[in-house]
Amino acid sequence: MKTRLDTSLLALHTKVKDQNTTLQELLMKTKKLEVFGARMIGMEEKMLALHNKTENLAAAFQTSILKKLSTINSKIIHPKFKLVGTRYFYIERNVKMMLLTRAAKWEAI
């Protein structure tokens, strides 16, 4: 009877030991998953910050380009127009014509 009891206890001890080992392995995996999850959250926050920074830089760049383009567009003037005071006038130097003809041509422009 004692041997049977010893065998039963030994089998029970082995079973508990195996369950304990399995439980420890699961606990280690859980800890690894928690660490991995924390790292993923940290990476996600960093990526979001980089995304926001990139969007801000892109918006600033676009604003800068639009300002430059608007100043360039306002400065492009046909070479035959000359600034006289604060206004631009069309100056034709190659064609000689009478005053009335010039007025008619000016109205056509």
C-alpha atoms as a PDB file:
ATOM      1  CA  MET A   1       0.000   0.000   0.000  1.00  0.00           C
ATOM      2  CA  LYS A   2       2.835   2.358   0.779  1.00  0.00           C
ATOM      3  CA  THR A   3       4.358   1.880  -2.654  1.00  0.00           C
ATOM      4  CA  ARG A   4       1.074   2.564  -4.297  1.00  0.00           C
ATOM      5  CA  LEU A   5       0.721   5.749  -2.298  1.00  0.00           C
ATOM      6  CA  ASP A   6       4.317   6.723  -3.093  1.00  0.00           C
ATOM      7  CA  THR A   7       3.724   6.088  -6.782  1.00  0.00           C
ATOM      8  CA  SER A   8       0.539   8.140  -6.699  1.00  0.00           C
ATOM      9  CA  LEU A   9       2.276  10.981  -4.860  1.00  0.00           C
ATOM     10  CA  LEU A  10       5.206  10.868  -7.267  1.00  0.00           C
ATOM     11  CA  ALA A  11       2.825  11.026 -10.250  1.00  0.00           C
ATOM     12  CA  LEU A  12       0.964  13.903  -8.633  1.00  0.00           C
ATOM     13  CA  HIS A  13       4.235  15.701  -7.852  1.00  0.00           C
ATOM     14  CA  THR A  14       5.395  15.278 -11.462  1.00  0.00           C
ATOM     15  CA  LYS A  15       2.068  16.581 -12.744  1.00  0.00           C
ATOM     16  CA  VAL A  16       2.209  19.639 -10.452  1.00  0.00           C
ATOM     17  CA  LYS A  17       5.826  20.252 -11.450  1.00  0.00           C
ATOM     18  CA  ASP A  18       4.904  20.106 -15.162  1.00  0.00           C
ATOM     19  CA  GLN A  19       1.985  22.482 -14.617  1.00  0.00           C
ATOM     20  CA  ASN A  20       4.255  24.832 -12.683  1.00  0.00           C
ATOM     21  CA  THR A  21       6.781  24.814 -15.538  1.00  0.00           C
ATOM     22  CA  THR A  22       4.005  25.477 -18.071  1.00  0.00           C
ATOM     23  CA  LEU A  23       2.656  28.281 -15.898  1.00  0.00           C
ATOM     24  CA  GLN A  24       6.114  29.874 -15.619  1.00  0.00           C
ATOM     25  CA  GLU A  25       6.569  29.677 -19.396  1.00  0.00           C
ATOM     26  CA  LEU A  26       3.184  31.337 -19.935  1.00  0.00           C
ATOM     27  CA  LEU A  27       4.074  34.019 -17.407  1.00  0.00           C
ATOM     28  CA  MET A  28       7.349  34.719 -19.245  1.00  0.00           C
ATOM     29  CA  LYS A  29       5.483  34.936 -22.557  1.00  0.00           C
ATOM     30  CA  THR A  30       2.956  37.297 -20.984  1.00  0.00           C
ATOM     31  CA  LYS A  31       5.738  39.520 -19.665  1.00  0.00           C
ATOM     32  CA  LYS A  32       7.393  39.517 -23.083  1.00  0.00           C
ATOM     33  CA  LEU A  33       4.071  40.455 -24.683  1.00  0.00           C
ATOM     34  CA  GLU A  34       3.597  43.281 -22.180  1.00  0.00           C
ATOM     35  CA  VAL A  35       7.077  44.614 -22.950  1.00  0.00           C
ATOM     36  CA  PHE A  36       6.420  44.245 -26.675  1.00  0.00           C
ATOM     37  CA  GLY A  37       3.065  46.035 -26.321  1.00  0.00           C
ATOM     38  CA  ALA A  38       4.697  48.884 -24.398  1.00  0.00           C
ATOM     39  CA  ARG A  39       7.355  49.189 -27.099  1.00  0.00           C
ATOM     40  CA  MET A  40       4.687  49.204 -29.808  1.00  0.00           C
ATOM     41  CA  ILE A  41       2.783  51.974 -28.018  1.00  0.00           C
ATOM     42  CA  GLY A  42       6.013  53.975 -27.719  1.00  0.00           C
ATOM     43  CA  MET A  43       6.777  53.473 -31.404  1.00  0.00           C
ATOM     44  CA  GLU A  44       3.234  54.439 -32.358  1.00  0.00           C
ATOM     45  CA  GLU A  45       3.529  57.670 -30.350  1.00  0.00           C
ATOM     46  CA  LYS A  46       6.870  58.478 -32.002  1.00  0.00           C
ATOM     47  CA  MET A  47       5.444  57.789 -35.459  1.00  0.00           C
ATOM     48  CA  LEU A  48       2.445  60.015 -34.739  1.00  0.00           C
ATOM     49  CA  ALA A  49       4.753  62.809 -33.564  1.00  0.00           C
ATOM     50  CA  LEU A  50       6.870  62.445 -36.721  1.00  0.00           C
ATOM     51  CA  HIS A  51       3.730  62.454 -38.873  1.00  0.00           C
ATOM     52  CA  ASN A  52       2.503  65.658 -37.233  1.00  0.00           C
ATOM     53  CA  LYS A  53       5.932  67.268 -37.608  1.00  0.00           C
ATOM     54  CA  THR A  54       6.055  66.279 -41.281  1.00  0.00           C
ATOM     55  CA  GLU A  55       2.585  67.704 -41.893  1.00  0.00           C
ATOM     56  CA  ASN A  56       3.561  70.978 -40.201  1.00  0.00           C
ATOM     57  CA  LEU A  57       6.752  71.216 -42.257  1.00  0.00           C
ATOM     58  CA  ALA A  58       4.848  70.464 -45.462  1.00  0.00           C
ATOM     59  CA  ALA A  59       2.274  73.164 -44.667  1.00  0.00           C
ATOM     60  CA  ALA A  60       5.017  75.688 -43.892  1.00  0.00           C
ATOM     61  CA  PHE A  61       6.836  74.766 -47.104  1.00  0.00           C
ATOM     62  CA  GLN A  62       3.647  75.109 -49.139  1.00  0.00           C
ATOM     63  CA  THR A  63       2.944  78.513 -47.596  1.00  0.00           C
ATOM     64  CA  SER A  64       6.501  79.632 -48.332  1.00  0.00           C
ATOM     65  CA  ILE A  65       6.307  78.444 -51.943  1.00  0.00           C
ATOM     66  CA  LEU A  66       2.937  80.138 -52.470  1.00  0.00           C
ATOM     67  CA  LYS A  67       4.297  83.434 -51.118  1.00  0.00           C
ATOM     68  CA  LYS A  68       7.315  83.218 -53.409  1.00  0.00           C
ATOM     69  CA  LEU A  69       5.143  82.351 -56.405  1.00  0.00           C
ATOM     70  CA  SER A  70       2.812  85.256 -55.734  1.00  0.00           C
ATOM     71  CA  THR A  71       5.752  87.678 -55.597  1.00  0.00           C
ATOM     72  CA  ILE A  72       7.225  86.173 -58.763  1.00  0.00           C
ATOM     73  CA  ASN A  73       3.897  86.389 -60.597  1.00  0.00           C
ATOM     74  CA  SER A  74       3.441  90.005 -59.601  1.00  0.00           C
ATOM     75  CA  LYS A  75       6.945  90.872 -60.828  1.00  0.00           C
ATOM     76  CA  ILE A  76       6.647  89.316 -64.297  1.00  0.00           C
ATOM     77  CA  ILE A  77       6.078  92.226 -66.632  1.00  0.00           C
ATOM     78  CA  HIS A  78       6.297  92.260 -70.392  1.00  0.00           C
ATOM     79  CA  PRO A  79       9.532  94.010 -71.438  1.00  0.00           C
ATOM     80  CA  LYS A  80       7.699  96.625 -73.496  1.00  0.00           C
ATOM     81  CA  PHE A  81       5.853  97.883 -70.415  1.00  0.00           C
ATOM     82  CA  LYS A  82       7.803 100.440 -68.375  1.00  0.00           C
ATOM     83  CA  LEU A  83       7.112 101.681 -64.883  1.00  0.00           C
ATOM     84  CA  VAL A  84       6.271 105.368 -64.870  1.00  0.00           C
ATOM     85  CA  GLY A  85       5.550 106.498 -61.332  1.00  0.00           C
ATOM     86  CA  THR A  86       3.349 103.787 -59.866  1.00  0.00           C
ATOM     87  CA  ARG A  87       1.840 102.590 -63.158  1.00  0.00           C
ATOM     88  CA  TYR A  88       3.117 100.624 -66.142  1.00  0.00           C
ATOM     89  CA  PHE A  89       2.909 101.947 -69.683  1.00  0.00           C
ATOM     90  CA  TYR A  90       3.386 100.214 -73.016  1.00  0.00           C
ATOM     91  CA  ILE A  91       6.361 101.757 -74.800  1.00  0.00           C
ATOM     92  CA  GLU A  92       6.849 100.978 -78.495  1.00  0.00           C
ATOM     93  CA  ARG A  93      10.223 102.214 -79.705  1.00  0.00           C
ATOM     94  CA  ASN A  94      10.458 100.634 -83.156  1.00  0.00           C
ATOM     95  CA  VAL A  95       7.259 101.896 -84.759  1.00  0.00           C
ATOM     96  CA  LYS A  96       6.780 105.583 -85.539  1.00  0.00           C
ATOM     97  CA  MET A  97       3.171 106.726 -85.886  1.00  0.00           C
ATOM     98  CA  MET A  98       0.959 109.719 -85.459  1.00  0.00           C
ATOM     99  CA  LEU A  99      -0.728 110.551 -82.171  1.00  0.00           C
ATOM    100  CA  LEU A 100      -4.230 109.535 -83.336  1.00  0.00           C
ATOM    101  CA  THR A 101      -2.940 106.231 -84.688  1.00  0.00           C
ATOM    102  CA  ARG A 102      -1.164 105.598 -81.400  1.00  0.00           C
ATOM    103  CA  ALA A 103      -4.380 106.284 -79.494  1.00  0.00           C
ATOM    104  CA  ALA A 104      -6.285 103.820 -81.693  1.00  0.00           C
ATOM    105  CA  LYS A 105      -3.614 101.173 -81.182  1.00  0.00           C
ATOM    106  CA  TRP A 106      -3.627 101.805 -77.442  1.00  0.00           C
ATOM    107  CA  GLU A 107      -7.388 101.253 -77.320  1.00  0.00           C
ATOM    108  CA  ALA A 108      -6.938  98.008 -79.244  1.00  0.00           C
ATOM    109  CA  ILE A 109      -4.482  96.730 -76.642  1.00  0.00           C
END
